[in-house]
Amino acid sequence: ALDDLLIRLAEEAAELAQAANKMARVMRGTNPANIDEREAIKNVIEEYTDVHVVAKDILELQVDGLQADYKIDRWAKRLKEKDSDIRG
């Protein structure tokens, strides 16, 4: 049922968020995790793959290209502003 698939998508997305968070901690060396960077990257890829499979192959969800372009542009602008703030 669709509701079960949406629950699965939410669970996989939460696992991806946890893997990304752990990878950031490993990379920063703060709040140490019990894995190295190679393992952390492997975990992010695995969890991203799970999200992708559920979203695209099972639910047949597609990316909204216009929305993606907008978000990429917005993210790039934020990074430029942050870089400008750091450089003063």
Protein backbone atom coordinates (compact mmCIF):
# COMPACT_ATOMS: atom_id res chain seq x y z
CA ALA A 1 0.00 0.00 0.00
CA LEU A 2 1.12 3.55 -0.66
CA ASP A 3 1.13 4.44 3.02
CA ASP A 4 3.53 1.57 3.76
CA LEU A 5 5.85 2.73 1.00
CA LEU A 6 5.82 6.28 2.33
CA ILE A 7 6.69 4.97 5.78
CA ARG A 8 9.57 3.02 4.24
CA LEU A 9 10.75 6.15 2.41
CA ALA A 10 10.67 8.13 5.66
CA GLU A 11 12.67 5.43 7.46
CA GLU A 12 15.28 5.27 4.70
CA ALA A 13 15.54 9.08 4.60
CA ALA A 14 16.11 9.15 8.36
CA GLU A 15 18.88 6.56 8.00
CA LEU A 16 20.48 8.71 5.28
CA ALA A 17 20.35 11.73 7.57
CA GLN A 18 22.06 9.78 10.34
CA ALA A 19 24.76 8.49 7.98
CA ALA A 20 25.43 12.01 6.64
CA ASN A 21 25.62 13.39 10.17
CA LYS A 22 28.08 10.68 11.19
CA MET A 23 30.20 11.33 8.09
CA ALA A 24 30.38 15.04 8.93
CA ARG A 25 31.49 14.21 12.48
CA VAL A 26 34.17 11.84 11.15
CA MET A 27 35.42 14.48 8.70
CA ARG A 28 35.52 17.18 11.38
CA GLY A 29 37.00 14.93 14.01
CA THR A 30 34.42 16.20 16.49
CA ASN A 31 32.12 14.02 18.52
CA PRO A 32 34.08 11.03 17.22
CA ALA A 33 32.32 8.17 15.54
CA ASN A 34 33.52 4.58 15.67
CA ILE A 35 34.21 4.40 11.92
CA ASP A 36 36.74 5.88 9.51
CA GLU A 37 36.00 8.21 6.60
CA ARG A 38 35.97 5.40 4.03
CA GLU A 39 33.32 3.50 5.99
CA ALA A 40 31.33 6.70 6.56
CA ILE A 41 31.23 7.43 2.83
CA LYS A 42 30.22 3.83 2.13
CA ASN A 43 27.33 4.19 4.60
CA VAL A 44 26.11 7.45 3.03
CA ILE A 45 26.15 5.87 -0.42
CA GLU A 46 24.27 2.82 0.84
CA GLU A 47 21.58 4.88 2.55
CA TYR A 48 21.26 7.24 -0.43
CA THR A 49 20.81 4.21 -2.67
CA ASP A 50 18.03 2.92 -0.41
CA VAL A 51 16.23 6.29 -0.59
CA HIS A 52 16.68 6.41 -4.35
CA VAL A 53 15.31 2.89 -4.85
CA VAL A 54 12.22 3.54 -2.77
CA ALA A 55 11.54 6.99 -4.23
CA LYS A 56 12.29 6.35 -7.89
CA ASP A 57 11.91 2.66 -8.56
CA ILE A 58 9.11 1.80 -6.15
CA LEU A 59 7.10 5.01 -5.80
CA GLU A 60 8.08 6.22 -9.29
CA LEU A 61 8.76 9.72 -7.96
CA GLN A 62 10.66 12.02 -10.30
CA VAL A 63 12.75 15.08 -9.56
CA ASP A 64 11.16 18.40 -10.47
CA GLY A 65 13.89 19.85 -12.69
CA LEU A 66 12.82 23.48 -12.28
CA GLN A 67 12.66 23.14 -8.52
CA ALA A 68 16.06 21.43 -8.48
CA ASP A 69 17.61 24.24 -10.55
CA TYR A 70 16.12 26.83 -8.21
CA LYS A 71 17.46 25.05 -5.13
CA ILE A 72 20.93 24.63 -6.65
CA ASP A 73 21.05 28.33 -7.52
CA ARG A 74 19.85 29.27 -4.02
CA TRP A 75 22.45 27.00 -2.40
CA ALA A 76 25.24 28.47 -4.58
CA LYS A 77 24.18 31.99 -3.57
CA ARG A 78 24.26 31.05 0.13
CA LEU A 79 27.73 29.55 -0.25
CA LYS A 80 29.00 32.70 -1.98
CA GLU A 81 27.50 34.87 0.78
CA LYS A 82 29.07 32.70 3.46
CA ASP A 83 32.44 32.86 1.71
CA SER A 84 32.12 36.65 1.46
CA ASP A 85 31.28 36.88 5.19
CA ILE A 86 34.31 34.74 6.10
CA ARG A 87 36.69 36.80 3.95
CA GLY A 88 35.26 40.05 5.27
